Amino acid sequence: MNAYQKSQELGLTGTDAEIVAVLQTLGACDLDRQDAATWMRERGLWVVLPEGHAGTLYELYSTTDNPQIKAGLGEWYASTLGGQAGAIRATWPDVAQRIAAIAALIAVAIPDGERLREEFYALVGGQPYATLTVEKFAAERAEAETPKVDPEWTDTAVLLSVNLSPQSQSVMLRVTRCAVVDGRVVNGPAVATVATAKAASDPRLSALLAEIKKLTEDLRNG
C-alpha cells in the first residue's frame, strides 16, 4: 500500500505536508505492552524493583527539568509498566505522533539514545513511510486521481501453418488479443490461443487459402 492509499485508509486530512508528517511517524505494527516492558527491563531503561524504580529512563524522569521530557516519560511509564494500555498503538496516527515525540526526546537526552530509538522502531516493524517526501506523496495522489481508461483490445492472427492438399485443406492460426497502452503494445492475460479450421467448412478461410495458393504459384513461377 502506497502512502496516499494509507492516508485514505486512515482518513487523514490537511495539506500534503501535514499528512506526510503524520505518515512518517507510523510504525508497521502495534507492540504488546508486555513486550515493551520486557525490552525496557532488558536494556536497563526502566525497571521496577522491590525497593523502588531504577534505570536510565527512570533517572532521566527523576532528574530532568524539561517539562516535555517529564510528561513524555510519564505517559510512556503509564502505558507500559503502569499497565494503562494493552498495546503500544504505533499504527494509530495520534498515538504514533506522541511516540515519535517521546522517542525524539529520548534520542538526544540519554547516551546511545538514537540507537535505542531505532531499536524500538524495529520492534514495531520499522517505519514504512519514514523517508516519504511531500513530492512523492503528491505524485501518488495525482496518479490515483487520474481517470483510468480501459484499453481497446484487438484480436490479431498470426499464420502458423497451411495444408493445401486436396484431401484436407486446413489453416492453423494463433489468435492473440492485444492493445496499445501508454504507447506500448501489450498482450491481454490468457488470451493467446491456437485455432485450427478446415477451409471447406469455413468460407472465411476459403478466401485465405485462395490467396495463399496464388502467392505460392507466383513464387514457384518466379
C-alpha atoms as a PDB file:
ATOM      1  CA  MET A   1       0.000   0.000   0.000  1.00  0.00           C
ATOM      2  CA  ASN A   2       1.496   3.313  -1.012  1.00  0.00           C
ATOM      3  CA  ALA A   3       1.430   6.414   1.168  1.00  0.00           C
ATOM      4  CA  TYR A   4      -1.584   8.028  -0.491  1.00  0.00           C
ATOM      5  CA  GLN A   5      -3.629   4.837  -0.176  1.00  0.00           C
ATOM      6  CA  LYS A   6      -2.640   4.615   3.516  1.00  0.00           C
ATOM      7  CA  SER A   7      -3.728   8.207   4.104  1.00  0.00           C
ATOM      8  CA  GLN A   8      -7.120   7.387   2.596  1.00  0.00           C
ATOM      9  CA  GLU A   9      -7.456   4.271   4.720  1.00  0.00           C
ATOM     10  CA  LEU A  10      -6.710   6.274   7.875  1.00  0.00           C
ATOM     11  CA  GLY A  11      -8.914   9.193   6.841  1.00  0.00           C
ATOM     12  CA  LEU A  12      -6.095  11.723   7.166  1.00  0.00           C
ATOM     13  CA  THR A  13      -6.872  15.298   6.191  1.00  0.00           C
ATOM     14  CA  GLY A  14      -4.886  18.512   5.814  1.00  0.00           C
ATOM     15  CA  THR A  15      -2.208  19.719   3.469  1.00  0.00           C
ATOM     16  CA  ASP A  16       0.146  17.257   1.819  1.00  0.00           C
ATOM     17  CA  ALA A  17       2.906  18.373   4.179  1.00  0.00           C
ATOM     18  CA  GLU A  18       0.696  17.787   7.239  1.00  0.00           C
ATOM     19  CA  ILE A  19      -0.365  14.346   6.052  1.00  0.00           C
ATOM     20  CA  VAL A  20       3.208  13.343   5.220  1.00  0.00           C
ATOM     21  CA  ALA A  21       4.350  14.434   8.699  1.00  0.00           C
ATOM     22  CA  VAL A  22       1.803  12.064  10.245  1.00  0.00           C
ATOM     23  CA  LEU A  23       2.616   9.152   7.938  1.00  0.00           C
ATOM     24  CA  GLN A  24       6.329   9.452   8.692  1.00  0.00           C
ATOM     25  CA  THR A  25       5.661   8.630  12.368  1.00  0.00           C
ATOM     26  CA  LEU A  26       3.688   5.421  11.794  1.00  0.00           C
ATOM     27  CA  GLY A  27       5.015   2.035  12.784  1.00  0.00           C
ATOM     28  CA  ALA A  28       4.282  -1.040  10.690  1.00  0.00           C
ATOM     29  CA  CYS A  29       2.553  -2.848  13.567  1.00  0.00           C
ATOM     30  CA  ASP A  30       1.497  -2.372  17.160  1.00  0.00           C
ATOM     31  CA  LEU A  31       3.579  -3.607  20.107  1.00  0.00           C
ATOM     32  CA  ASP A  32       2.224  -5.594  23.034  1.00  0.00           C
ATOM     33  CA  ARG A  33       2.621  -3.667  26.273  1.00  0.00           C
ATOM     34  CA  GLN A  34       4.386  -6.560  27.987  1.00  0.00           C
ATOM     35  CA  ASP A  35       6.889  -6.825  25.135  1.00  0.00           C
ATOM     36  CA  ALA A  36       7.662  -3.120  25.535  1.00  0.00           C
ATOM     37  CA  ALA A  37       8.122  -3.546  29.295  1.00  0.00           C
ATOM     38  CA  THR A  38      10.394  -6.547  28.733  1.00  0.00           C
ATOM     39  CA  TRP A  39      12.510  -4.580  26.260  1.00  0.00           C
ATOM     40  CA  MET A  40      12.937  -1.739  28.760  1.00  0.00           C
ATOM     41  CA  ARG A  41      13.940  -4.171  31.517  1.00  0.00           C
ATOM     42  CA  GLU A  42      16.433  -5.975  29.293  1.00  0.00           C
ATOM     43  CA  ARG A  43      18.015  -2.677  28.249  1.00  0.00           C
ATOM     44  CA  GLY A  44      18.053  -1.330  31.794  1.00  0.00           C
ATOM     45  CA  LEU A  45      15.862   1.609  30.814  1.00  0.00           C
ATOM     46  CA  TRP A  46      13.160   1.364  33.477  1.00  0.00           C
ATOM     47  CA  VAL A  47      12.905  -1.465  35.982  1.00  0.00           C
ATOM     48  CA  VAL A  48      10.542  -1.822  38.935  1.00  0.00           C
ATOM     49  CA  LEU A  49      12.446  -3.412  41.824  1.00  0.00           C
ATOM     50  CA  PRO A  50      11.162  -4.385  45.285  1.00  0.00           C
ATOM     51  CA  GLU A  51      12.921  -1.372  46.728  1.00  0.00           C
ATOM     52  CA  GLY A  52      11.802   1.034  44.011  1.00  0.00           C
ATOM     53  CA  HIS A  53      12.447   2.107  40.438  1.00  0.00           C
ATOM     54  CA  ALA A  54      15.756   2.114  38.556  1.00  0.00           C
ATOM     55  CA  GLY A  55      17.124   2.503  35.051  1.00  0.00           C
ATOM     56  CA  THR A  56      18.306   5.115  32.589  1.00  0.00           C
ATOM     57  CA  LEU A  57      14.855   6.446  31.714  1.00  0.00           C
ATOM     58  CA  TYR A  58      13.776   6.485  35.334  1.00  0.00           C
ATOM     59  CA  GLU A  59      16.850   8.507  36.284  1.00  0.00           C
ATOM     60  CA  LEU A  60      16.116  10.928  33.461  1.00  0.00           C
ATOM     61  CA  TYR A  61      12.487  11.228  34.580  1.00  0.00           C
ATOM     62  CA  SER A  62      13.546  11.853  38.184  1.00  0.00           C
ATOM     63  CA  THR A  63      16.177  14.498  37.453  1.00  0.00           C
ATOM     64  CA  THR A  64      15.034  16.374  34.353  1.00  0.00           C
ATOM     65  CA  ASP A  65      13.762  19.932  34.498  1.00  0.00           C
ATOM     66  CA  ASN A  66      12.378  19.659  30.960  1.00  0.00           C
ATOM     67  CA  PRO A  67       8.569  19.518  31.225  1.00  0.00           C
ATOM     68  CA  GLN A  68       8.242  17.866  27.797  1.00  0.00           C
ATOM     69  CA  ILE A  69      10.563  15.019  28.751  1.00  0.00           C
ATOM     70  CA  LYS A  70       8.807  14.697  32.123  1.00  0.00           C
ATOM     71  CA  ALA A  71       5.382  14.466  30.509  1.00  0.00           C
ATOM     72  CA  GLY A  72       6.533  12.155  27.728  1.00  0.00           C
ATOM     73  CA  LEU A  73       8.262   9.684  30.031  1.00  0.00           C
ATOM     74  CA  GLY A  74       5.319   9.830  32.421  1.00  0.00           C
ATOM     75  CA  GLU A  75       2.965   8.810  29.642  1.00  0.00           C
ATOM     76  CA  TRP A  76       5.402   6.117  28.500  1.00  0.00           C
ATOM     77  CA  TYR A  77       5.591   4.644  32.015  1.00  0.00           C
ATOM     78  CA  ALA A  78       1.803   4.719  32.392  1.00  0.00           C
ATOM     79  CA  SER A  79       1.341   2.898  29.063  1.00  0.00           C
ATOM     80  CA  THR A  80       3.951   0.204  29.666  1.00  0.00           C
ATOM     81  CA  LEU A  81       4.943  -0.527  33.257  1.00  0.00           C
ATOM     82  CA  GLY A  82       1.847   1.215  34.612  1.00  0.00           C
ATOM     83  CA  GLY A  83      -0.368  -1.173  32.664  1.00  0.00           C
ATOM     84  CA  GLN A  84      -2.759   1.513  31.392  1.00  0.00           C
ATOM     85  CA  ALA A  85      -2.513   0.295  27.795  1.00  0.00           C
ATOM     86  CA  GLY A  86      -2.915  -3.159  26.308  1.00  0.00           C
ATOM     87  CA  ALA A  87      -0.619  -2.349  23.420  1.00  0.00           C
ATOM     88  CA  ILE A  88       1.524   0.452  22.076  1.00  0.00           C
ATOM     89  CA  ARG A  89      -0.574   1.567  19.081  1.00  0.00           C
ATOM     90  CA  ALA A  90       2.230   2.580  16.748  1.00  0.00           C
ATOM     91  CA  THR A  91      -0.137   2.263  13.772  1.00  0.00           C
ATOM     92  CA  TRP A  92      -2.635   4.813  15.121  1.00  0.00           C
ATOM     93  CA  PRO A  93      -1.838   8.324  13.846  1.00  0.00           C
ATOM     94  CA  ASP A  94      -2.451  10.220  17.110  1.00  0.00           C
ATOM     95  CA  VAL A  95      -0.548   7.690  19.230  1.00  0.00           C
ATOM     96  CA  ALA A  96       2.242   7.346  16.659  1.00  0.00           C
ATOM     97  CA  GLN A  97       2.865  11.082  16.768  1.00  0.00           C
ATOM     98  CA  ARG A  98       3.158  11.059  20.567  1.00  0.00           C
ATOM     99  CA  ILE A  99       5.500   8.052  20.428  1.00  0.00           C
ATOM    100  CA  ALA A 100       7.655   9.819  17.840  1.00  0.00           C
ATOM    101  CA  ALA A 101       7.864  12.936  20.019  1.00  0.00           C
ATOM    102  CA  ILE A 102       8.897  10.888  23.061  1.00  0.00           C
ATOM    103  CA  ALA A 103      11.424   8.874  21.037  1.00  0.00           C
ATOM    104  CA  ALA A 104      12.954  12.046  19.617  1.00  0.00           C
ATOM    105  CA  LEU A 105      13.416  13.482  23.110  1.00  0.00           C
ATOM    106  CA  ILE A 106      14.982  10.263  24.402  1.00  0.00           C
ATOM    107  CA  ALA A 107      17.288  10.034  21.391  1.00  0.00           C
ATOM    108  CA  VAL A 108      19.118  13.203  22.437  1.00  0.00           C
ATOM    109  CA  ALA A 109      18.645  13.017  26.213  1.00  0.00           C
ATOM    110  CA  ILE A 110      20.443   9.787  27.115  1.00  0.00           C
ATOM    111  CA  PRO A 111      23.644   8.079  25.952  1.00  0.00           C
ATOM    112  CA  ASP A 112      23.058   5.788  22.993  1.00  0.00           C
ATOM    113  CA  GLY A 113      19.576   7.255  22.697  1.00  0.00           C
ATOM    114  CA  GLU A 114      19.489   7.203  18.899  1.00  0.00           C
ATOM    115  CA  ARG A 115      20.355   3.512  18.788  1.00  0.00           C
ATOM    116  CA  LEU A 116      17.628   2.777  21.324  1.00  0.00           C
ATOM    117  CA  ARG A 117      15.129   4.761  19.247  1.00  0.00           C
ATOM    118  CA  GLU A 118      15.999   2.684  16.176  1.00  0.00           C
ATOM    119  CA  GLU A 119      15.784  -0.495  18.234  1.00  0.00           C
ATOM    120  CA  PHE A 120      12.312   0.405  19.463  1.00  0.00           C
ATOM    121  CA  TYR A 121      11.038   1.063  15.953  1.00  0.00           C
ATOM    122  CA  ALA A 122      12.445  -2.290  14.868  1.00  0.00           C
ATOM    123  CA  LEU A 123      10.085  -3.833  17.448  1.00  0.00           C
ATOM    124  CA  VAL A 124       7.118  -2.272  15.648  1.00  0.00           C
ATOM    125  CA  GLY A 125       8.280  -3.478  12.234  1.00  0.00           C
ATOM    126  CA  GLY A 126      10.031  -0.259  11.262  1.00  0.00           C
ATOM    127  CA  GLN A 127       8.524   2.946   9.880  1.00  0.00           C
ATOM    128  CA  PRO A 128       7.349   2.220   6.320  1.00  0.00           C
ATOM    129  CA  TYR A 129       6.859   5.905   5.449  1.00  0.00           C
ATOM    130  CA  ALA A 130       9.811   7.394   7.330  1.00  0.00           C
ATOM    131  CA  THR A 131      11.505   8.657   4.153  1.00  0.00           C
ATOM    132  CA  LEU A 132       8.303   9.790   2.449  1.00  0.00           C
ATOM    133  CA  THR A 133       8.534  13.231   0.811  1.00  0.00           C
ATOM    134  CA  VAL A 134       5.784  15.690   0.002  1.00  0.00           C
ATOM    135  CA  GLU A 135       6.691  15.400  -3.683  1.00  0.00           C
ATOM    136  CA  LYS A 136       6.331  11.598  -3.708  1.00  0.00           C
ATOM    137  CA  PHE A 137       3.018  11.786  -1.856  1.00  0.00           C
ATOM    138  CA  ALA A 138       1.696  14.389  -4.318  1.00  0.00           C
ATOM    139  CA  ALA A 139       2.726  12.166  -7.237  1.00  0.00           C
ATOM    140  CA  GLU A 140       0.909   9.171  -5.741  1.00  0.00           C
ATOM    141  CA  ARG A 141      -2.203  11.278  -5.167  1.00  0.00           C
ATOM    142  CA  ALA A 142      -2.118  12.607  -8.736  1.00  0.00           C
ATOM    143  CA  GLU A 143      -1.783   9.086 -10.118  1.00  0.00           C
ATOM    144  CA  ALA A 144      -4.704   7.863  -8.008  1.00  0.00           C
ATOM    145  CA  GLU A 145      -6.895  10.764  -9.134  1.00  0.00           C
ATOM    146  CA  THR A 146      -6.103  10.307 -12.832  1.00  0.00           C
ATOM    147  CA  PRO A 147      -9.077   8.646 -14.556  1.00  0.00           C
ATOM    148  CA  LYS A 148      -8.281   5.154 -15.745  1.00  0.00           C
ATOM    149  CA  VAL A 149      -9.096   4.489 -19.401  1.00  0.00           C
ATOM    150  CA  ASP A 150      -9.808   0.906 -20.384  1.00  0.00           C
ATOM    151  CA  PRO A 151      -7.677  -0.098 -23.372  1.00  0.00           C
ATOM    152  CA  GLU A 152      -9.348  -1.096 -26.608  1.00  0.00           C
ATOM    153  CA  TRP A 153      -8.469  -4.700 -27.316  1.00  0.00           C
ATOM    154  CA  THR A 154      -7.951  -6.005 -30.841  1.00  0.00           C
ATOM    155  CA  ASP A 155      -7.674  -9.597 -31.961  1.00  0.00           C
ATOM    156  CA  THR A 156      -4.741 -10.264 -34.274  1.00  0.00           C
ATOM    157  CA  ALA A 157      -3.978 -13.518 -36.059  1.00  0.00           C
ATOM    158  CA  VAL A 158      -0.583 -14.957 -36.985  1.00  0.00           C
ATOM    159  CA  LEU A 159      -0.481 -17.681 -39.654  1.00  0.00           C
ATOM    160  CA  LEU A 160       1.349 -20.745 -38.348  1.00  0.00           C
ATOM    161  CA  SER A 161       0.818 -23.416 -40.999  1.00  0.00           C
ATOM    162  CA  VAL A 162      -1.210 -24.218 -44.108  1.00  0.00           C
ATOM    163  CA  ASN A 163      -2.231 -27.576 -45.556  1.00  0.00           C
ATOM    164  CA  LEU A 164      -3.033 -27.236 -49.289  1.00  0.00           C
ATOM    165  CA  SER A 165      -3.644 -30.893 -50.027  1.00  0.00           C
ATOM    166  CA  PRO A 166      -6.962 -31.558 -51.777  1.00  0.00           C
ATOM    167  CA  GLN A 167      -7.926 -34.148 -49.176  1.00  0.00           C
ATOM    168  CA  SER A 168      -7.553 -31.933 -46.102  1.00  0.00           C
ATOM    169  CA  GLN A 169      -7.166 -28.237 -46.619  1.00  0.00           C
ATOM    170  CA  SER A 170      -6.682 -26.501 -43.283  1.00  0.00           C
ATOM    171  CA  VAL A 171      -5.136 -23.452 -41.710  1.00  0.00           C
ATOM    172  CA  MET A 172      -3.581 -23.084 -38.252  1.00  0.00           C
ATOM    173  CA  LEU A 173      -3.645 -19.631 -36.719  1.00  0.00           C
ATOM    174  CA  ARG A 174      -2.505 -18.138 -33.425  1.00  0.00           C
ATOM    175  CA  VAL A 175      -5.058 -15.579 -32.268  1.00  0.00           C
ATOM    176  CA  THR A 176      -3.756 -13.013 -29.805  1.00  0.00           C
ATOM    177  CA  ARG A 177      -5.643 -10.199 -28.159  1.00  0.00           C
ATOM    178  CA  CYS A 178      -3.564  -7.049 -27.792  1.00  0.00           C
ATOM    179  CA  ALA A 179      -3.956  -3.366 -27.050  1.00  0.00           C
ATOM    180  CA  VAL A 180      -1.944  -0.168 -27.077  1.00  0.00           C
ATOM    181  CA  VAL A 181      -1.392   1.122 -23.527  1.00  0.00           C
ATOM    182  CA  ASP A 182       0.693   4.249 -22.982  1.00  0.00           C
ATOM    183  CA  GLY A 183       2.207   3.856 -26.430  1.00  0.00           C
ATOM    184  CA  ARG A 184       3.180   0.223 -25.867  1.00  0.00           C
ATOM    185  CA  VAL A 185       1.616  -2.886 -27.377  1.00  0.00           C
ATOM    186  CA  VAL A 186       0.662  -5.322 -24.643  1.00  0.00           C
ATOM    187  CA  ASN A 187      -0.953  -8.741 -24.742  1.00  0.00           C
ATOM    188  CA  GLY A 188      -4.050  -9.378 -22.702  1.00  0.00           C
ATOM    189  CA  PRO A 189      -3.933 -12.010 -19.959  1.00  0.00           C
ATOM    190  CA  ALA A 190      -4.629 -15.595 -21.047  1.00  0.00           C
ATOM    191  CA  VAL A 191      -5.944 -14.655 -24.478  1.00  0.00           C
ATOM    192  CA  ALA A 192      -3.363 -16.287 -26.744  1.00  0.00           C
ATOM    193  CA  THR A 193      -4.926 -19.330 -28.387  1.00  0.00           C
ATOM    194  CA  VAL A 194      -4.149 -21.662 -31.275  1.00  0.00           C
ATOM    195  CA  ALA A 195      -7.074 -22.227 -33.619  1.00  0.00           C
ATOM    196  CA  THR A 196      -7.431 -24.735 -36.456  1.00  0.00           C
ATOM    197  CA  ALA A 197     -10.215 -24.864 -39.015  1.00  0.00           C
ATOM    198  CA  LYS A 198     -10.964 -26.664 -42.232  1.00  0.00           C
ATOM    199  CA  ALA A 199     -11.351 -24.370 -45.179  1.00  0.00           C
ATOM    200  CA  ALA A 200     -14.177 -26.420 -46.641  1.00  0.00           C
ATOM    201  CA  SER A 201     -16.392 -25.658 -43.664  1.00  0.00           C
ATOM    202  CA  ASP A 202     -15.401 -22.011 -43.184  1.00  0.00           C
ATOM    203  CA  PRO A 203     -15.910 -19.545 -46.041  1.00  0.00           C
ATOM    204  CA  ARG A 204     -13.582 -17.030 -44.383  1.00  0.00           C
ATOM    205  CA  LEU A 205     -10.689 -19.476 -44.659  1.00  0.00           C
ATOM    206  CA  SER A 206     -11.560 -20.378 -48.241  1.00  0.00           C
ATOM    207  CA  ALA A 207     -10.649 -16.859 -49.330  1.00  0.00           C
ATOM    208  CA  LEU A 208      -7.441 -17.008 -47.302  1.00  0.00           C
ATOM    209  CA  LEU A 209      -6.443 -20.299 -48.882  1.00  0.00           C
ATOM    210  CA  ALA A 210      -7.126 -18.933 -52.348  1.00  0.00           C
ATOM    211  CA  GLU A 211      -4.746 -16.040 -51.650  1.00  0.00           C
ATOM    212  CA  ILE A 212      -2.097 -18.396 -50.269  1.00  0.00           C
ATOM    213  CA  LYS A 213      -2.381 -20.677 -53.328  1.00  0.00           C
ATOM    214  CA  LYS A 214      -1.989 -17.733 -55.674  1.00  0.00           C
ATOM    215  CA  LEU A 215       1.033 -16.455 -53.739  1.00  0.00           C
ATOM    216  CA  THR A 216       2.571 -19.937 -53.786  1.00  0.00           C
ATOM    217  CA  GLU A 217       2.111 -20.269 -57.543  1.00  0.00           C
ATOM    218  CA  ASP A 218       3.594 -16.817 -58.125  1.00  0.00           C
ATOM    219  CA  LEU A 219       6.652 -17.771 -56.070  1.00  0.00           C
ATOM    220  CA  ARG A 220       7.076 -21.005 -57.993  1.00  0.00           C
ATOM    221  CA  ASN A 221       6.791 -19.261 -61.325  1.00  0.00           C
ATOM    222  CA  GLY A 222       9.383 -16.762 -60.222  1.00  0.00           C
END
